[in-house]
N, C-alpha and C. Protein backbone atom coordinates (compact mmCIF):
# COMPACT_ATOMS: atom_id res chain seq x y z
N MET A 1 0.85 -1.17 0.00
CA MET A 1 0.00 0.00 0.00
C MET A 1 0.90 1.24 0.00
N LEU A 2 0.51 2.22 -0.81
CA LEU A 2 1.22 3.50 -0.87
C LEU A 2 0.40 4.56 -0.15
N THR A 3 1.06 5.46 0.52
CA THR A 3 0.41 6.62 1.12
C THR A 3 0.71 7.81 0.22
N ILE A 4 -0.34 8.47 -0.26
CA ILE A 4 -0.20 9.61 -1.15
C ILE A 4 -0.63 10.86 -0.39
N LEU A 5 0.28 11.84 -0.30
CA LEU A 5 0.00 13.09 0.41
C LEU A 5 -0.07 14.25 -0.59
N PHE A 6 -0.90 15.23 -0.25
CA PHE A 6 -1.06 16.43 -1.08
C PHE A 6 -0.83 17.66 -0.21
N PHE A 7 -0.06 18.62 -0.72
CA PHE A 7 0.28 19.81 0.04
C PHE A 7 -0.08 21.07 -0.73
N GLY A 8 -0.08 22.19 -0.01
CA GLY A 8 -0.36 23.49 -0.63
C GLY A 8 -1.75 23.55 -1.20
N HIS A 9 -1.90 24.29 -2.29
CA HIS A 9 -3.23 24.44 -2.87
C HIS A 9 -3.75 23.15 -3.48
N LEU A 10 -2.89 22.15 -3.70
CA LEU A 10 -3.36 20.88 -4.25
C LEU A 10 -4.35 20.21 -3.31
N LYS A 11 -4.06 20.23 -2.02
CA LYS A 11 -4.98 19.56 -1.09
C LYS A 11 -6.31 20.30 -1.00
N GLU A 12 -6.30 21.60 -1.22
CA GLU A 12 -7.56 22.36 -1.20
C GLU A 12 -8.36 22.10 -2.47
N ILE A 13 -7.70 22.12 -3.61
CA ILE A 13 -8.38 21.91 -4.89
C ILE A 13 -8.89 20.48 -5.02
N LEU A 14 -8.08 19.51 -4.61
CA LEU A 14 -8.46 18.10 -4.74
C LEU A 14 -9.31 17.63 -3.56
N GLU A 15 -9.46 18.48 -2.57
CA GLU A 15 -10.29 18.24 -1.38
C GLU A 15 -9.88 16.99 -0.60
N THR A 16 -8.58 16.78 -0.54
CA THR A 16 -8.04 15.70 0.29
C THR A 16 -6.57 15.99 0.58
N ASP A 17 -6.11 15.51 1.71
CA ASP A 17 -4.68 15.67 2.00
C ASP A 17 -3.96 14.33 1.98
N CYS A 18 -4.72 13.23 1.89
CA CYS A 18 -4.09 11.91 1.97
C CYS A 18 -4.98 10.85 1.31
N LEU A 19 -4.34 9.95 0.58
CA LEU A 19 -5.00 8.77 0.00
C LEU A 19 -4.09 7.57 0.23
N ARG A 20 -4.68 6.40 0.22
CA ARG A 20 -3.90 5.17 0.26
C ARG A 20 -4.32 4.34 -0.94
N ILE A 21 -3.33 3.84 -1.70
CA ILE A 21 -3.64 3.03 -2.86
C ILE A 21 -2.80 1.75 -2.85
N GLU A 22 -3.37 0.73 -3.45
CA GLU A 22 -2.68 -0.55 -3.58
C GLU A 22 -1.69 -0.48 -4.75
N LEU A 23 -0.63 -1.26 -4.66
CA LEU A 23 0.38 -1.29 -5.73
C LEU A 23 -0.11 -2.00 -6.98
N SER A 24 -1.15 -2.78 -6.86
CA SER A 24 -1.68 -3.50 -8.01
C SER A 24 -3.10 -3.00 -8.27
N GLN A 25 -3.34 -2.55 -9.50
CA GLN A 25 -4.64 -2.01 -9.91
C GLN A 25 -5.06 -2.69 -11.21
N ASN A 26 -6.09 -3.50 -11.15
CA ASN A 26 -6.61 -4.16 -12.37
C ASN A 26 -5.49 -4.86 -13.16
N GLN A 27 -4.71 -5.63 -12.49
CA GLN A 27 -3.60 -6.40 -13.06
C GLN A 27 -2.46 -5.54 -13.60
N ASP A 28 -2.46 -4.24 -13.28
CA ASP A 28 -1.37 -3.35 -13.66
C ASP A 28 -0.59 -3.01 -12.40
N SER A 29 0.71 -3.15 -12.46
CA SER A 29 1.56 -2.86 -11.31
C SER A 29 1.88 -1.37 -11.27
N ILE A 30 1.59 -0.75 -10.14
CA ILE A 30 1.90 0.67 -9.94
C ILE A 30 3.29 0.72 -9.31
N ASP A 31 4.31 0.82 -10.16
CA ASP A 31 5.68 0.68 -9.67
C ASP A 31 6.58 1.88 -9.91
N THR A 32 6.02 2.95 -10.50
CA THR A 32 6.81 4.18 -10.70
C THR A 32 5.95 5.40 -10.35
N VAL A 33 6.61 6.51 -10.16
CA VAL A 33 5.90 7.77 -9.91
C VAL A 33 4.97 8.09 -11.07
N ALA A 34 5.42 7.87 -12.30
CA ALA A 34 4.59 8.15 -13.47
C ALA A 34 3.29 7.36 -13.43
N LYS A 35 3.35 6.11 -13.02
CA LYS A 35 2.14 5.28 -12.96
C LYS A 35 1.22 5.73 -11.82
N VAL A 36 1.80 6.19 -10.72
CA VAL A 36 0.98 6.74 -9.63
C VAL A 36 0.25 7.97 -10.13
N ARG A 37 0.99 8.87 -10.77
CA ARG A 37 0.39 10.10 -11.29
C ARG A 37 -0.74 9.78 -12.27
N LYS A 38 -0.49 8.84 -13.20
CA LYS A 38 -1.49 8.47 -14.20
C LYS A 38 -2.75 7.89 -13.53
N LEU A 39 -2.56 7.04 -12.54
CA LEU A 39 -3.69 6.46 -11.82
C LEU A 39 -4.53 7.54 -11.14
N LEU A 40 -3.86 8.48 -10.49
CA LEU A 40 -4.58 9.56 -9.81
C LEU A 40 -5.32 10.46 -10.79
N GLN A 41 -4.75 10.67 -11.95
CA GLN A 41 -5.39 11.53 -12.96
C GLN A 41 -6.68 10.92 -13.49
N LEU A 42 -6.87 9.63 -13.31
CA LEU A 42 -8.12 8.99 -13.72
C LEU A 42 -9.31 9.40 -12.84
N LYS A 43 -9.02 10.08 -11.74
CA LYS A 43 -10.07 10.48 -10.81
C LYS A 43 -10.91 11.65 -11.32
N GLY A 44 -10.49 12.31 -12.39
CA GLY A 44 -11.30 13.38 -12.95
C GLY A 44 -10.49 14.54 -13.48
N ASN A 45 -11.22 15.53 -14.01
CA ASN A 45 -10.58 16.67 -14.68
C ASN A 45 -9.66 17.48 -13.78
N LEU A 46 -10.08 17.79 -12.56
CA LEU A 46 -9.21 18.56 -11.66
C LEU A 46 -7.93 17.78 -11.36
N TRP A 47 -8.07 16.49 -11.15
CA TRP A 47 -6.91 15.64 -10.87
C TRP A 47 -5.96 15.63 -12.07
N THR A 48 -6.53 15.54 -13.26
CA THR A 48 -5.71 15.53 -14.48
C THR A 48 -4.96 16.85 -14.62
N GLU A 49 -5.67 17.95 -14.45
CA GLU A 49 -5.07 19.27 -14.63
C GLU A 49 -4.00 19.57 -13.58
N TYR A 50 -4.31 19.35 -12.32
CA TYR A 50 -3.40 19.79 -11.27
C TYR A 50 -2.28 18.81 -10.95
N LEU A 51 -2.41 17.57 -11.40
CA LEU A 51 -1.32 16.61 -11.19
C LEU A 51 -0.50 16.39 -12.46
N GLU A 52 -0.78 17.17 -13.50
CA GLU A 52 -0.02 17.06 -14.73
C GLU A 52 1.47 17.29 -14.46
N TYR A 53 2.29 16.55 -15.20
CA TYR A 53 3.73 16.71 -15.05
C TYR A 53 4.10 18.18 -15.26
N GLY A 54 4.85 18.75 -14.34
CA GLY A 54 5.22 20.15 -14.41
C GLY A 54 4.34 21.04 -13.56
N MET A 55 3.11 20.59 -13.29
CA MET A 55 2.19 21.35 -12.44
C MET A 55 2.32 20.96 -10.97
N ALA A 56 2.80 19.75 -10.72
CA ALA A 56 2.96 19.26 -9.35
C ALA A 56 4.29 18.54 -9.24
N LEU A 57 5.08 18.95 -8.26
CA LEU A 57 6.33 18.25 -7.97
C LEU A 57 6.01 17.03 -7.13
N VAL A 58 6.95 16.10 -7.07
CA VAL A 58 6.70 14.88 -6.31
C VAL A 58 7.95 14.48 -5.53
N ALA A 59 7.70 13.94 -4.35
CA ALA A 59 8.76 13.40 -3.51
C ALA A 59 8.35 12.00 -3.07
N VAL A 60 9.31 11.10 -3.04
CA VAL A 60 9.08 9.75 -2.53
C VAL A 60 9.91 9.61 -1.27
N ASN A 61 9.23 9.30 -0.19
CA ASN A 61 9.89 9.17 1.12
C ASN A 61 10.73 10.41 1.44
N GLN A 62 10.14 11.57 1.17
CA GLN A 62 10.69 12.89 1.48
C GLN A 62 11.94 13.24 0.69
N GLU A 63 12.12 12.61 -0.47
CA GLU A 63 13.21 12.96 -1.38
C GLU A 63 12.63 13.30 -2.74
N MET A 64 13.04 14.45 -3.29
CA MET A 64 12.56 14.85 -4.61
C MET A 64 12.79 13.70 -5.59
N SER A 65 11.79 13.48 -6.44
CA SER A 65 11.83 12.32 -7.32
C SER A 65 11.42 12.70 -8.74
N SER A 66 11.74 11.80 -9.66
CA SER A 66 11.37 12.00 -11.06
C SER A 66 10.29 10.98 -11.43
N GLU A 67 9.79 11.10 -12.65
CA GLU A 67 8.72 10.22 -13.11
C GLU A 67 9.14 8.75 -13.13
N ASP A 68 10.41 8.47 -13.33
CA ASP A 68 10.84 7.08 -13.40
C ASP A 68 11.31 6.51 -12.06
N THR A 69 11.14 7.27 -10.98
CA THR A 69 11.48 6.76 -9.65
C THR A 69 10.59 5.56 -9.32
N VAL A 70 11.21 4.49 -8.88
CA VAL A 70 10.48 3.27 -8.51
C VAL A 70 9.85 3.46 -7.14
N VAL A 71 8.60 3.00 -7.01
CA VAL A 71 7.91 3.04 -5.73
C VAL A 71 7.69 1.61 -5.24
N ASN A 72 7.73 1.47 -3.92
CA ASN A 72 7.61 0.16 -3.28
C ASN A 72 6.54 0.19 -2.21
N ASP A 73 6.08 -0.98 -1.84
CA ASP A 73 5.08 -1.11 -0.79
C ASP A 73 5.53 -0.35 0.46
N GLY A 74 4.64 0.47 1.00
CA GLY A 74 4.94 1.23 2.21
C GLY A 74 5.50 2.62 1.96
N ASP A 75 5.79 2.96 0.71
CA ASP A 75 6.35 4.27 0.40
C ASP A 75 5.33 5.38 0.61
N GLU A 76 5.85 6.56 0.92
CA GLU A 76 5.05 7.78 1.04
C GLU A 76 5.38 8.65 -0.16
N ILE A 77 4.34 9.02 -0.91
CA ILE A 77 4.52 9.85 -2.10
C ILE A 77 3.79 11.16 -1.87
N ALA A 78 4.50 12.26 -2.02
CA ALA A 78 3.91 13.58 -1.78
C ALA A 78 3.91 14.39 -3.05
N PHE A 79 2.75 14.98 -3.35
CA PHE A 79 2.60 15.90 -4.47
C PHE A 79 2.43 17.30 -3.91
N PHE A 80 3.13 18.27 -4.51
CA PHE A 80 3.04 19.64 -4.03
C PHE A 80 3.31 20.59 -5.19
N PRO A 81 2.76 21.80 -5.08
CA PRO A 81 2.96 22.77 -6.17
C PRO A 81 4.41 23.22 -6.24
N PRO A 82 4.84 23.65 -7.43
CA PRO A 82 6.20 24.19 -7.55
C PRO A 82 6.38 25.37 -6.58
N VAL A 83 7.55 25.46 -6.03
CA VAL A 83 7.87 26.48 -5.04
C VAL A 83 8.61 27.64 -5.70
N THR A 84 8.20 28.85 -5.40
CA THR A 84 8.93 30.02 -5.87
C THR A 84 9.40 30.81 -4.67
N GLY A 85 10.34 31.62 -4.88
CA GLY A 85 10.84 32.44 -3.78
C GLY A 85 12.08 33.20 -4.19
N GLY A 86 12.59 33.92 -3.25
CA GLY A 86 13.76 34.70 -3.60
C GLY A 86 14.72 34.82 -2.48
């Protein structure tokens, strides 16, 4: 099971701060960040728009990650908006 966290305006727009998903979905293995993102985007238009690559950064177990980062049972995956500052 993966724990999916949402931060910043993502949790307000998506109306959740946490989800738990199984690594296996309809005989498809959810084994990378890209597959997690794609699965979440199936939840609807807001999910597709706000979790699009480039619109939401991702960290696995509190380390910045890329789309090809492998995810394992028990991992924590966090999505958050890009950060700006000076």
